[in-house]
Amino acid sequence: MESSKKLLVLGFALIGLVVLPCTCSATMTVSIDTDKNSYYLGENVNFTAKVVIVNERGGCCDLNSSSLTIKDGDSQVC
């Protein structure tokens, strides 16, 4: 009887792992690496992007890549 209780508890634990969603949240901040107030069209702008990922349940939102790709033509108006 004791072993069946252990199996039942283990079964519920496994179901909980499957059913509970893996949630995480992320914030991104971008800062320009200069104190200039204006830029000319086509001028290169150096910036730093920082992404912070928070796991709501530990270890479920691991990064597969540590690189950030910005394609030509992508823009953000601010």
PDB file of N, CA and C in Angstrom:
ATOM      1  N   MET A   1       0.816  -1.198   0.000  1.00  0.00           N
ATOM      2  CA  MET A   1       0.000   0.000   0.000  1.00  0.00           C
ATOM      3  C   MET A   1       0.861   1.263   0.000  1.00  0.00           C
ATOM      4  N   GLU A   2       1.962   1.223   0.748  1.00  0.00           N
ATOM      5  CA  GLU A   2       2.851   2.379   0.830  1.00  0.00           C
ATOM      6  C   GLU A   2       3.457   2.705  -0.533  1.00  0.00           C
ATOM      7  N   SER A   3       3.840   1.671  -1.291  1.00  0.00           N
ATOM      8  CA  SER A   3       4.442   1.910  -2.603  1.00  0.00           C
ATOM      9  C   SER A   3       3.425   2.494  -3.579  1.00  0.00           C
ATOM     10  N   SER A   4       2.161   2.126  -3.457  1.00  0.00           N
ATOM     11  CA  SER A   4       1.150   2.688  -4.353  1.00  0.00           C
ATOM     12  C   SER A   4       0.927   4.169  -4.050  1.00  0.00           C
ATOM     13  N   LYS A   5       1.047   4.573  -2.779  1.00  0.00           N
ATOM     14  CA  LYS A   5       0.939   5.990  -2.424  1.00  0.00           C
ATOM     15  C   LYS A   5       2.098   6.775  -3.023  1.00  0.00           C
ATOM     16  N   LYS A   6       3.290   6.193  -2.958  1.00  0.00           N
ATOM     17  CA  LYS A   6       4.456   6.856  -3.535  1.00  0.00           C
ATOM     18  C   LYS A   6       4.295   7.019  -5.040  1.00  0.00           C
ATOM     19  N   LEU A   7       3.791   5.981  -5.702  1.00  0.00           N
ATOM     20  CA  LEU A   7       3.565   6.071  -7.143  1.00  0.00           C
ATOM     21  C   LEU A   7       2.510   7.117  -7.475  1.00  0.00           C
ATOM     22  N   LEU A   8       1.477   7.212  -6.652  1.00  0.00           N
ATOM     23  CA  LEU A   8       0.426   8.198  -6.870  1.00  0.00           C
ATOM     24  C   LEU A   8       0.978   9.615  -6.735  1.00  0.00           C
ATOM     25  N   VAL A   9       1.772   9.851  -5.702  1.00  0.00           N
ATOM     26  CA  VAL A   9       2.384  11.167  -5.505  1.00  0.00           C
ATOM     27  C   VAL A   9       3.329  11.486  -6.653  1.00  0.00           C
ATOM     28  N   LEU A  10       4.126  10.524  -7.072  1.00  0.00           N
ATOM     29  CA  LEU A  10       5.033  10.720  -8.194  1.00  0.00           C
ATOM     30  C   LEU A  10       4.258  11.026  -9.472  1.00  0.00           C
ATOM     31  N   GLY A  11       3.152  10.333  -9.673  1.00  0.00           N
ATOM     32  CA  GLY A  11       2.319  10.584 -10.857  1.00  0.00           C
ATOM     33  C   GLY A  11       1.772  11.994 -10.870  1.00  0.00           C
ATOM     34  N   PHE A  12       1.274  12.468  -9.715  1.00  0.00           N
ATOM     35  CA  PHE A  12       0.767  13.842  -9.643  1.00  0.00           C
ATOM     36  C   PHE A  12       1.882  14.858  -9.873  1.00  0.00           C
ATOM     37  N   ALA A  13       3.061  14.571  -9.366  1.00  0.00           N
ATOM     38  CA  ALA A  13       4.189  15.478  -9.572  1.00  0.00           C
ATOM     39  C   ALA A  13       4.546  15.562 -11.050  1.00  0.00           C
ATOM     40  N   LEU A  14       4.572  14.438 -11.735  1.00  0.00           N
ATOM     41  CA  LEU A  14       4.881  14.440 -13.165  1.00  0.00           C
ATOM     42  C   LEU A  14       3.805  15.153 -13.965  1.00  0.00           C
ATOM     43  N   ILE A  15       2.543  14.956 -13.600  1.00  0.00           N
ATOM     44  CA  ILE A  15       1.454  15.663 -14.277  1.00  0.00           C
ATOM     45  C   ILE A  15       1.604  17.168 -14.057  1.00  0.00           C
ATOM     46  N   GLY A  16       1.978  17.565 -12.857  1.00  0.00           N
ATOM     47  CA  GLY A  16       2.186  18.983 -12.566  1.00  0.00           C
ATOM     48  C   GLY A  16       3.284  19.583 -13.410  1.00  0.00           C
ATOM     49  N   LEU A  17       4.343  18.829 -13.646  1.00  0.00           N
ATOM     50  CA  LEU A  17       5.428  19.328 -14.485  1.00  0.00           C
ATOM     51  C   LEU A  17       4.989  19.503 -15.925  1.00  0.00           C
ATOM     52  N   VAL A  18       4.118  18.628 -16.387  1.00  0.00           N
ATOM     53  CA  VAL A  18       3.663  18.702 -17.770  1.00  0.00           C
ATOM     54  C   VAL A  18       2.613  19.793 -17.941  1.00  0.00           C
ATOM     55  N   VAL A  19       1.706  19.930 -16.990  1.00  0.00           N
ATOM     56  CA  VAL A  19       0.576  20.844 -17.128  1.00  0.00           C
ATOM     57  C   VAL A  19       0.958  22.289 -16.847  1.00  0.00           C
ATOM     58  N   LEU A  20       1.786  22.529 -15.847  1.00  0.00           N
ATOM     59  CA  LEU A  20       2.127  23.897 -15.498  1.00  0.00           C
ATOM     60  C   LEU A  20       2.898  24.557 -16.631  1.00  0.00           C
ATOM     61  N   PRO A  21       2.473  25.748 -17.040  1.00  0.00           N
ATOM     62  CA  PRO A  21       3.168  26.416 -18.139  1.00  0.00           C
ATOM     63  C   PRO A  21       4.540  26.918 -17.709  1.00  0.00           C
ATOM     64  N   CYS A  22       5.421  26.934 -18.643  1.00  0.00           N
ATOM     65  CA  CYS A  22       6.757  27.466 -18.404  1.00  0.00           C
ATOM     66  C   CYS A  22       6.716  28.942 -18.784  1.00  0.00           C
ATOM     67  N   THR A  23       6.623  29.813 -17.804  1.00  0.00           N
ATOM     68  CA  THR A  23       6.500  31.236 -18.092  1.00  0.00           C
ATOM     69  C   THR A  23       7.777  31.966 -17.722  1.00  0.00           C
ATOM     70  N   CYS A  24       8.094  32.937 -18.517  1.00  0.00           N
ATOM     71  CA  CYS A  24       9.213  33.812 -18.217  1.00  0.00           C
ATOM     72  C   CYS A  24       8.900  35.180 -18.795  1.00  0.00           C
ATOM     73  N   SER A  25       9.600  36.170 -18.320  1.00  0.00           N
ATOM     74  CA  SER A  25       9.412  37.518 -18.831  1.00  0.00           C
ATOM     75  C   SER A  25      10.780  38.101 -19.149  1.00  0.00           C
ATOM     76  N   ALA A  26      10.785  39.081 -20.037  1.00  0.00           N
ATOM     77  CA  ALA A  26      12.049  39.691 -20.430  1.00  0.00           C
ATOM     78  C   ALA A  26      11.875  41.192 -20.581  1.00  0.00           C
ATOM     79  N   THR A  27      12.912  41.913 -20.233  1.00  0.00           N
ATOM     80  CA  THR A  27      12.949  43.349 -20.477  1.00  0.00           C
ATOM     81  C   THR A  27      14.197  43.662 -21.282  1.00  0.00           C
ATOM     82  N   MET A  28      14.105  44.662 -22.131  1.00  0.00           N
ATOM     83  CA  MET A  28      15.252  45.049 -22.947  1.00  0.00           C
ATOM     84  C   MET A  28      15.447  46.547 -22.836  1.00  0.00           C
ATOM     85  N   THR A  29      16.671  46.952 -22.549  1.00  0.00           N
ATOM     86  CA  THR A  29      17.013  48.371 -22.529  1.00  0.00           C
ATOM     87  C   THR A  29      18.122  48.611 -23.542  1.00  0.00           C
ATOM     88  N   VAL A  30      18.030  49.719 -24.232  1.00  0.00           N
ATOM     89  CA  VAL A  30      19.033  50.086 -25.236  1.00  0.00           C
ATOM     90  C   VAL A  30      19.563  51.462 -24.875  1.00  0.00           C
ATOM     91  N   SER A  31      20.866  51.590 -24.813  1.00  0.00           N
ATOM     92  CA  SER A  31      21.474  52.892 -24.551  1.00  0.00           C
ATOM     93  C   SER A  31      22.492  53.199 -25.640  1.00  0.00           C
ATOM     94  N   ILE A  32      22.512  54.458 -26.076  1.00  0.00           N
ATOM     95  CA  ILE A  32      23.460  54.900 -27.101  1.00  0.00           C
ATOM     96  C   ILE A  32      24.768  55.249 -26.407  1.00  0.00           C
ATOM     97  N   ASP A  33      25.870  54.773 -26.981  1.00  0.00           N
ATOM     98  CA  ASP A  33      27.181  54.897 -26.343  1.00  0.00           C
ATOM     99  C   ASP A  33      27.857  56.236 -26.641  1.00  0.00           C
ATOM    100  N   THR A  34      27.130  57.316 -26.549  1.00  0.00           N
ATOM    101  CA  THR A  34      27.704  58.640 -26.758  1.00  0.00           C
ATOM    102  C   THR A  34      26.756  59.669 -26.166  1.00  0.00           C
ATOM    103  N   ASP A  35      27.239  60.885 -26.015  1.00  0.00           N
ATOM    104  CA  ASP A  35      26.373  61.935 -25.473  1.00  0.00           C
ATOM    105  C   ASP A  35      25.916  62.904 -26.559  1.00  0.00           C
ATOM    106  N   LYS A  36      26.045  62.508 -27.822  1.00  0.00           N
ATOM    107  CA  LYS A  36      25.585  63.368 -28.917  1.00  0.00           C
ATOM    108  C   LYS A  36      24.066  63.499 -28.866  1.00  0.00           C
ATOM    109  N   ASN A  37      23.566  64.656 -29.288  1.00  0.00           N
ATOM    110  CA  ASN A  37      22.125  64.886 -29.292  1.00  0.00           C
ATOM    111  C   ASN A  37      21.486  64.628 -30.647  1.00  0.00           C
ATOM    112  N   SER A  38      22.282  64.581 -31.703  1.00  0.00           N
ATOM    113  CA  SER A  38      21.701  64.375 -33.034  1.00  0.00           C
ATOM    114  C   SER A  38      22.684  63.616 -33.913  1.00  0.00           C
ATOM    115  N   TYR A  39      22.138  62.984 -34.946  1.00  0.00           N
ATOM    116  CA  TYR A  39      22.933  62.190 -35.871  1.00  0.00           C
ATOM    117  C   TYR A  39      22.516  62.525 -37.291  1.00  0.00           C
ATOM    118  N   TYR A  40      23.440  62.337 -38.229  1.00  0.00           N
ATOM    119  CA  TYR A  40      23.128  62.513 -39.642  1.00  0.00           C
ATOM    120  C   TYR A  40      22.597  61.206 -40.203  1.00  0.00           C
ATOM    121  N   LEU A  41      21.743  61.300 -41.212  1.00  0.00           N
ATOM    122  CA  LEU A  41      21.196  60.116 -41.859  1.00  0.00           C
ATOM    123  C   LEU A  41      22.334  59.268 -42.411  1.00  0.00           C
ATOM    124  N   GLY A  42      22.359  58.003 -42.083  1.00  0.00           N
ATOM    125  CA  GLY A  42      23.401  57.098 -42.550  1.00  0.00           C
ATOM    126  C   GLY A  42      24.601  57.009 -41.630  1.00  0.00           C
ATOM    127  N   GLU A  43      24.653  57.840 -40.608  1.00  0.00           N
ATOM    128  CA  GLU A  43      25.772  57.809 -39.668  1.00  0.00           C
ATOM    129  C   GLU A  43      25.649  56.588 -38.756  1.00  0.00           C
ATOM    130  N   ASN A  44      26.777  55.930 -38.508  1.00  0.00           N
ATOM    131  CA  ASN A  44      26.770  54.774 -37.609  1.00  0.00           C
ATOM    132  C   ASN A  44      26.539  55.217 -36.171  1.00  0.00           C
ATOM    133  N   VAL A  45      25.749  54.437 -35.462  1.00  0.00           N
ATOM    134  CA  VAL A  45      25.466  54.714 -34.058  1.00  0.00           C
ATOM    135  C   VAL A  45      25.835  53.476 -33.252  1.00  0.00           C
ATOM    136  N   ASN A  46      26.744  53.629 -32.309  1.00  0.00           N
ATOM    137  CA  ASN A  46      27.097  52.523 -31.422  1.00  0.00           C
ATOM    138  C   ASN A  46      26.165  52.536 -30.221  1.00  0.00           C
ATOM    139  N   PHE A  47      25.665  51.363 -29.868  1.00  0.00           N
ATOM    140  CA  PHE A  47      24.734  51.282 -28.753  1.00  0.00           C
ATOM    141  C   PHE A  47      24.947  49.979 -27.999  1.00  0.00           C
ATOM    142  N   THR A  48      24.399  49.929 -26.800  1.00  0.00           N
ATOM    143  CA  THR A  48      24.435  48.734 -25.969  1.00  0.00           C
ATOM    144  C   THR A  48      23.005  48.283 -25.710  1.00  0.00           C
ATOM    145  N   ALA A  49      22.734  47.019 -25.977  1.00  0.00           N
ATOM    146  CA  ALA A  49      21.417  46.437 -25.702  1.00  0.00           C
ATOM    147  C   ALA A  49      21.568  45.440 -24.564  1.00  0.00           C
ATOM    148  N   LYS A  50      20.711  45.566 -23.561  1.00  0.00           N
ATOM    149  CA  LYS A  50      20.750  44.662 -22.411  1.00  0.00           C
ATOM    150  C   LYS A  50      19.394  43.974 -22.294  1.00  0.00           C
ATOM    151  N   VAL A  51      19.407  42.642 -22.313  1.00  0.00           N
ATOM    152  CA  VAL A  51      18.189  41.850 -22.191  1.00  0.00           C
ATOM    153  C   VAL A  51      18.254  41.079 -20.875  1.00  0.00           C
ATOM    154  N   VAL A  52      17.229  41.233 -20.054  1.00  0.00           N
ATOM    155  CA  VAL A  52      17.151  40.525 -18.777  1.00  0.00           C
ATOM    156  C   VAL A  52      15.962  39.574 -18.844  1.00  0.00           C
ATOM    157  N   ILE A  53      16.226  38.279 -18.703  1.00  0.00           N
ATOM    158  CA  ILE A  53      15.180  37.263 -18.738  1.00  0.00           C
ATOM    159  C   ILE A  53      14.976  36.736 -17.323  1.00  0.00           C
ATOM    160  N   VAL A  54      13.733  36.742 -16.873  1.00  0.00           N
ATOM    161  CA  VAL A  54      13.395  36.281 -15.530  1.00  0.00           C
ATOM    162  C   VAL A  54      12.560  35.018 -15.656  1.00  0.00           C
ATOM    163  N   ASN A  55      13.019  33.952 -15.035  1.00  0.00           N
ATOM    164  CA  ASN A  55      12.268  32.698 -15.017  1.00  0.00           C
ATOM    165  C   ASN A  55      11.227  32.754 -13.912  1.00  0.00           C
ATOM    166  N   GLU A  56       9.964  32.570 -14.292  1.00  0.00           N
ATOM    167  CA  GLU A  56       8.913  32.479 -13.281  1.00  0.00           C
ATOM    168  C   GLU A  56       8.998  31.127 -12.571  1.00  0.00           C
ATOM    169  N   ARG A  57       9.382  30.097 -13.315  1.00  0.00           N
ATOM    170  CA  ARG A  57       9.688  28.778 -12.754  1.00  0.00           C
ATOM    171  C   ARG A  57      11.128  28.493 -13.131  1.00  0.00           C
ATOM    172  N   GLY A  58      11.968  28.241 -12.184  1.00  0.00           N
ATOM    173  CA  GLY A  58      13.398  28.137 -12.406  1.00  0.00           C
ATOM    174  C   GLY A  58      13.830  27.203 -13.521  1.00  0.00           C
ATOM    175  N   GLY A  59      14.748  27.680 -14.344  1.00  0.00           N
ATOM    176  CA  GLY A  59      15.413  26.845 -15.328  1.00  0.00           C
ATOM    177  C   GLY A  59      14.622  26.485 -16.560  1.00  0.00           C
ATOM    178  N   CYS A  60      13.475  27.119 -16.793  1.00  0.00           N
ATOM    179  CA  CYS A  60      12.680  26.692 -17.946  1.00  0.00           C
ATOM    180  C   CYS A  60      12.824  27.625 -19.140  1.00  0.00           C
ATOM    181  N   CYS A  61      13.523  28.720 -19.002  1.00  0.00           N
ATOM    182  CA  CYS A  61      13.672  29.665 -20.111  1.00  0.00           C
ATOM    183  C   CYS A  61      15.148  29.882 -20.411  1.00  0.00           C
ATOM    184  N   ASP A  62      15.862  28.814 -20.614  1.00  0.00           N
ATOM    185  CA  ASP A  62      17.290  28.921 -20.887  1.00  0.00           C
ATOM    186  C   ASP A  62      17.519  29.493 -22.282  1.00  0.00           C
ATOM    187  N   LEU A  63      18.568  30.288 -22.409  1.00  0.00           N
ATOM    188  CA  LEU A  63      18.930  30.838 -23.714  1.00  0.00           C
ATOM    189  C   LEU A  63      19.684  29.789 -24.518  1.00  0.00           C
ATOM    190  N   ASN A  64      19.329  29.660 -25.782  1.00  0.00           N
ATOM    191  CA  ASN A  64      20.056  28.760 -26.664  1.00  0.00           C
ATOM    192  C   ASN A  64      21.192  29.472 -27.373  1.00  0.00           C
ATOM    193  N   SER A  65      21.147  30.791 -27.401  1.00  0.00           N
ATOM    194  CA  SER A  65      22.176  31.556 -28.089  1.00  0.00           C
ATOM    195  C   SER A  65      22.399  32.854 -27.329  1.00  0.00           C
ATOM    196  N   SER A  66      23.624  33.275 -27.258  1.00  0.00           N
ATOM    197  CA  SER A  66      23.916  34.521 -26.556  1.00  0.00           C
ATOM    198  C   SER A  66      24.169  35.663 -27.527  1.00  0.00           C
ATOM    199  N   SER A  67      23.756  35.507 -28.783  1.00  0.00           N
ATOM    200  CA  SER A  67      24.011  36.555 -29.764  1.00  0.00           C
ATOM    201  C   SER A  67      22.727  37.291 -30.108  1.00  0.00           C
ATOM    202  N   LEU A  68      22.863  38.551 -30.476  1.00  0.00           N
ATOM    203  CA  LEU A  68      21.747  39.389 -30.896  1.00  0.00           C
ATOM    204  C   LEU A  68      22.006  39.799 -32.332  1.00  0.00           C
ATOM    205  N   THR A  69      21.061  39.537 -33.202  1.00  0.00           N
ATOM    206  CA  THR A  69      21.220  39.866 -34.611  1.00  0.00           C
ATOM    207  C   THR A  69      20.320  41.038 -34.959  1.00  0.00           C
ATOM    208  N   ILE A  70      20.898  42.083 -35.516  1.00  0.00           N
ATOM    209  CA  ILE A  70      20.126  43.224 -35.990  1.00  0.00           C
ATOM    210  C   ILE A  70      20.332  43.307 -37.491  1.00  0.00           C
ATOM    211  N   LYS A  71      19.261  43.175 -38.232  1.00  0.00           N
ATOM    212  CA  LYS A  71      19.343  43.155 -39.689  1.00  0.00           C
ATOM    213  C   LYS A  71      19.298  44.568 -40.238  1.00  0.00           C
ATOM    214  N   ASP A  72      19.927  44.765 -41.394  1.00  0.00           N
ATOM    215  CA  ASP A  72      19.867  46.061 -42.063  1.00  0.00           C
ATOM    216  C   ASP A  72      18.416  46.430 -42.321  1.00  0.00           C
ATOM    217  N   GLY A  73      18.072  47.655 -42.010  1.00  0.00           N
ATOM    218  CA  GLY A  73      16.712  48.113 -42.242  1.00  0.00           C
ATOM    219  C   GLY A  73      15.828  48.045 -41.025  1.00  0.00           C
ATOM    220  N   ASP A  74      16.212  47.260 -40.009  1.00  0.00           N
ATOM    221  CA  ASP A  74      15.422  47.236 -38.783  1.00  0.00           C
ATOM    222  C   ASP A  74      15.580  48.577 -38.075  1.00  0.00           C
ATOM    223  N   SER A  75      14.497  49.104 -37.550  1.00  0.00           N
ATOM    224  CA  SER A  75      14.593  50.398 -36.883  1.00  0.00           C
ATOM    225  C   SER A  75      13.605  50.466 -35.736  1.00  0.00           C
ATOM    226  N   GLN A  76      13.877  51.361 -34.849  1.00  0.00           N
ATOM    227  CA  GLN A  76      12.981  51.627 -33.725  1.00  0.00           C
ATOM    228  C   GLN A  76      12.888  53.130 -33.571  1.00  0.00           C
ATOM    229  N   VAL A  77      11.679  53.656 -33.631  1.00  0.00           N
ATOM    230  CA  VAL A  77      11.489  55.092 -33.467  1.00  0.00           C
ATOM    231  C   VAL A  77      11.271  55.383 -31.996  1.00  0.00           C
ATOM    232  N   CYS A  78      12.012  56.343 -31.471  1.00  0.00           N
ATOM    233  CA  CYS A  78      11.828  56.693 -30.063  1.00  0.00           C
ATOM    234  C   CYS A  78      11.999  58.185 -29.874  1.00  0.00           C
TER     235      CYS A  78
END
